[in-house]
Each structure stands twice: as C-alpha cells, then as structure tokens.
C-alpha cells in the first residue's frame, strides 16, 4: 500500500494525456473505470485513517483540555483536506504502474 501522505500527486486537477493513460488497456473507458475503483479504495482508506485519528480525541467530559484538543483535531482535519484528492492519487499510481488489474474474461481455468 502506498503512503498517500508522501505522494507527489498534484493537489489540483491537471489535464492528462489520454493516450498515455489508456496505453495499458487500449481503452479509455476501461482505464477510467479502473481509476475510479482505485480512487474509491483510496478515499475509503483516507476516511478510515482520519476517523481513527479523530477518535483519539473523543472524550466523554468537557473541560479546558477540550479546547486544546479541538485545535489539534482541526490541524489533523486540515492536513487531510490538503492532501491530493483520491482520483489524483489513483492517477499517479496508474502512471507509475502501481495498480494491478486483470480482465476476468481473459483468465483461463485449468
């Protein structure tokens, strides 16, 4: 699994050369489908990770410490908001050849 926090993926939308993107599949629609599925996986991973970190701040009582914890929660949330979007991370993985895919109809059973 890739460490998404260290990714070099762009943080904003950029134009992609579809000829480079669809080279492994020879089908832009199949490529988009693969990227979409991977982006969904990455989004879920990041969401789970964020919720786990925010759960560390959960407390049953209110106090002055909660004000400081709230600042820490905000910092954690801002960090995750500043990460590249899952689709950009998926596209970066795709260009680096880090996404495994297969076509079920091409597999042979013995």
C-alpha atoms as a PDB file:
ATOM      1  CA  UNK A   1       0.000   0.000   0.000  1.00  0.00           C
ATOM      2  CA  UNK A   2       1.259   3.412  -0.949  1.00  0.00           C
ATOM      3  CA  UNK A   3       1.786   6.119   1.656  1.00  0.00           C
ATOM      4  CA  UNK A   4      -0.604   8.732   0.313  1.00  0.00           C
ATOM      5  CA  UNK A   5       0.825  11.432   2.545  1.00  0.00           C
ATOM      6  CA  UNK A   6       4.157  11.252   0.708  1.00  0.00           C
ATOM      7  CA  UNK A   7       2.699  11.134  -2.787  1.00  0.00           C
ATOM      8  CA  UNK A   8       3.921  13.531  -5.443  1.00  0.00           C
ATOM      9  CA  UNK A   9       0.430  13.665  -6.973  1.00  0.00           C
ATOM     10  CA  UNK A  10      -0.780  17.166  -7.855  1.00  0.00           C
ATOM     11  CA  UNK A  11      -3.200  18.761  -5.417  1.00  0.00           C
ATOM     12  CA  UNK A  12      -5.365  20.274  -8.139  1.00  0.00           C
ATOM     13  CA  UNK A  13      -6.834  18.991 -11.368  1.00  0.00           C
ATOM     14  CA  UNK A  14      -4.474  18.788 -14.328  1.00  0.00           C
ATOM     15  CA  UNK A  15      -5.033  17.822 -17.940  1.00  0.00           C
ATOM     16  CA  UNK A  16      -3.996  14.251 -18.654  1.00  0.00           C
ATOM     17  CA  UNK A  17      -2.835  12.847 -21.986  1.00  0.00           C
ATOM     18  CA  UNK A  18      -5.403  10.129 -22.587  1.00  0.00           C
ATOM     19  CA  UNK A  19      -3.054   8.298 -24.972  1.00  0.00           C
ATOM     20  CA  UNK A  20      -0.622   7.777 -22.090  1.00  0.00           C
ATOM     21  CA  UNK A  21      -3.372   6.928 -19.616  1.00  0.00           C
ATOM     22  CA  UNK A  22      -5.091   4.296 -21.718  1.00  0.00           C
ATOM     23  CA  UNK A  23      -1.898   2.688 -23.053  1.00  0.00           C
ATOM     24  CA  UNK A  24      -2.045  -0.307 -20.633  1.00  0.00           C
ATOM     25  CA  UNK A  25      -5.670  -1.114 -21.515  1.00  0.00           C
ATOM     26  CA  UNK A  26      -6.064   0.368 -25.020  1.00  0.00           C
ATOM     27  CA  UNK A  27      -9.474   1.560 -23.830  1.00  0.00           C
ATOM     28  CA  UNK A  28     -10.006   4.932 -22.141  1.00  0.00           C
ATOM     29  CA  UNK A  29     -13.328   3.825 -20.619  1.00  0.00           C
ATOM     30  CA  UNK A  30     -11.748   0.772 -19.023  1.00  0.00           C
ATOM     31  CA  UNK A  31      -8.915   2.955 -17.715  1.00  0.00           C
ATOM     32  CA  UNK A  32     -11.370   5.439 -16.208  1.00  0.00           C
ATOM     33  CA  UNK A  33     -13.267   2.562 -14.598  1.00  0.00           C
ATOM     34  CA  UNK A  34     -10.068   1.174 -13.049  1.00  0.00           C
ATOM     35  CA  UNK A  35      -9.017   4.627 -11.812  1.00  0.00           C
ATOM     36  CA  UNK A  36     -12.479   5.221 -10.369  1.00  0.00           C
ATOM     37  CA  UNK A  37     -12.419   1.966  -8.419  1.00  0.00           C
ATOM     38  CA  UNK A  38      -8.923   2.665  -7.099  1.00  0.00           C
ATOM     39  CA  UNK A  39      -9.890   6.238  -6.159  1.00  0.00           C
ATOM     40  CA  UNK A  40     -12.835   4.836  -4.181  1.00  0.00           C
ATOM     41  CA  UNK A  41     -10.458   2.480  -2.338  1.00  0.00           C
ATOM     42  CA  UNK A  42      -8.036   5.306  -1.560  1.00  0.00           C
ATOM     43  CA  UNK A  43     -10.881   7.547  -0.393  1.00  0.00           C
ATOM     44  CA  UNK A  44     -12.100   4.857   1.993  1.00  0.00           C
ATOM     45  CA  UNK A  45      -8.559   4.291   3.331  1.00  0.00           C
ATOM     46  CA  UNK A  46      -8.083   8.002   3.975  1.00  0.00           C
ATOM     47  CA  UNK A  47     -11.532   8.345   5.531  1.00  0.00           C
ATOM     48  CA  UNK A  48     -10.911   5.418   7.897  1.00  0.00           C
ATOM     49  CA  UNK A  49      -7.488   6.767   8.824  1.00  0.00           C
ATOM     50  CA  UNK A  50      -8.901  10.239   9.518  1.00  0.00           C
ATOM     51  CA  UNK A  51     -11.740   8.884  11.655  1.00  0.00           C
ATOM     52  CA  UNK A  52      -9.301   6.723  13.631  1.00  0.00           C
ATOM     53  CA  UNK A  53      -7.136   9.766  14.354  1.00  0.00           C
ATOM     54  CA  UNK A  54     -10.134  11.900  15.314  1.00  0.00           C
ATOM     55  CA  UNK A  55     -11.455   9.131  17.580  1.00  0.00           C
ATOM     56  CA  UNK A  56      -8.297   9.538  19.664  1.00  0.00           C
ATOM     57  CA  UNK A  57      -9.639  12.959  20.656  1.00  0.00           C
ATOM     58  CA  UNK A  58     -13.048  11.647  21.704  1.00  0.00           C
ATOM     59  CA  UNK A  59     -13.822  12.403  25.334  1.00  0.00           C
ATOM     60  CA  UNK A  60     -16.907  11.964  27.450  1.00  0.00           C
ATOM     61  CA  UNK A  61     -16.475  15.107  29.537  1.00  0.00           C
ATOM     62  CA  UNK A  62     -15.958  18.732  28.628  1.00  0.00           C
ATOM     63  CA  UNK A  63     -13.069  20.674  30.072  1.00  0.00           C
ATOM     64  CA  UNK A  64     -10.455  23.256  29.217  1.00  0.00           C
ATOM     65  CA  UNK A  65      -8.370  20.491  27.704  1.00  0.00           C
ATOM     66  CA  UNK A  66     -11.092  20.003  25.101  1.00  0.00           C
ATOM     67  CA  UNK A  67     -10.346  23.446  23.677  1.00  0.00           C
ATOM     68  CA  UNK A  68      -6.747  22.410  23.009  1.00  0.00           C
ATOM     69  CA  UNK A  69      -7.818  19.025  21.673  1.00  0.00           C
ATOM     70  CA  UNK A  70     -10.219  20.804  19.348  1.00  0.00           C
ATOM     71  CA  UNK A  71      -7.294  22.775  17.898  1.00  0.00           C
ATOM     72  CA  UNK A  72      -5.418  19.520  17.353  1.00  0.00           C
ATOM     73  CA  UNK A  73      -8.487  17.997  15.682  1.00  0.00           C
ATOM     74  CA  UNK A  74      -8.672  20.991  13.371  1.00  0.00           C
ATOM     75  CA  UNK A  75      -4.999  20.603  12.454  1.00  0.00           C
ATOM     76  CA  UNK A  76      -5.471  16.889  11.694  1.00  0.00           C
ATOM     77  CA  UNK A  77      -8.534  17.682   9.564  1.00  0.00           C
ATOM     78  CA  UNK A  78      -6.705  20.441   7.689  1.00  0.00           C
ATOM     79  CA  UNK A  79      -3.816  18.098   6.971  1.00  0.00           C
ATOM     80  CA  UNK A  80      -6.161  15.547   5.377  1.00  0.00           C
ATOM     81  CA  UNK A  81      -8.011  18.255   3.451  1.00  0.00           C
ATOM     82  CA  UNK A  82      -4.704  19.441   1.988  1.00  0.00           C
ATOM     83  CA  UNK A  83      -3.818  16.004   0.612  1.00  0.00           C
ATOM     84  CA  UNK A  84      -4.314  15.385  -3.104  1.00  0.00           C
ATOM     85  CA  UNK A  85      -7.773  14.099  -3.981  1.00  0.00           C
ATOM     86  CA  UNK A  86      -8.132  10.291  -4.258  1.00  0.00           C
ATOM     87  CA  UNK A  87      -8.557  10.425  -8.044  1.00  0.00           C
ATOM     88  CA  UNK A  88      -5.244  12.300  -8.371  1.00  0.00           C
ATOM     89  CA  UNK A  89      -3.551   9.720  -6.138  1.00  0.00           C
ATOM     90  CA  UNK A  90      -5.043   6.911  -8.248  1.00  0.00           C
ATOM     91  CA  UNK A  91      -3.861   8.559 -11.478  1.00  0.00           C
ATOM     92  CA  UNK A  92      -0.358   8.919 -10.037  1.00  0.00           C
ATOM     93  CA  UNK A  93      -0.317   5.236  -9.034  1.00  0.00           C
ATOM     94  CA  UNK A  94      -1.571   4.310 -12.517  1.00  0.00           C
ATOM     95  CA  UNK A  95       1.166   6.294 -14.266  1.00  0.00           C
ATOM     96  CA  UNK A  96       3.779   4.685 -12.003  1.00  0.00           C
ATOM     97  CA  UNK A  97       2.474   1.186 -12.822  1.00  0.00           C
ATOM     98  CA  UNK A  98       1.441   0.551  -9.209  1.00  0.00           C
ATOM     99  CA  UNK A  99      -2.143  -0.556  -9.912  1.00  0.00           C
ATOM    100  CA  UNK A 100      -2.754  -4.208 -10.652  1.00  0.00           C
ATOM    101  CA  UNK A 101      -5.740  -5.022 -12.834  1.00  0.00           C
ATOM    102  CA  UNK A 102      -6.893  -8.014 -14.782  1.00  0.00           C
ATOM    103  CA  UNK A 103      -9.661  -8.848 -17.189  1.00  0.00           C
ATOM    104  CA  UNK A 104     -11.709 -11.758 -15.833  1.00  0.00           C
ATOM    105  CA  UNK A 105     -12.736 -12.878 -19.342  1.00  0.00           C
ATOM    106  CA  UNK A 106      -9.070 -13.362 -20.269  1.00  0.00           C
ATOM    107  CA  UNK A 107      -8.228 -15.705 -17.389  1.00  0.00           C
ATOM    108  CA  UNK A 108      -8.189 -19.362 -18.251  1.00  0.00           C
ATOM    109  CA  UNK A 109      -9.358 -22.102 -15.955  1.00  0.00           C
ATOM    110  CA  UNK A 110      -7.495 -25.384 -15.828  1.00  0.00           C
END
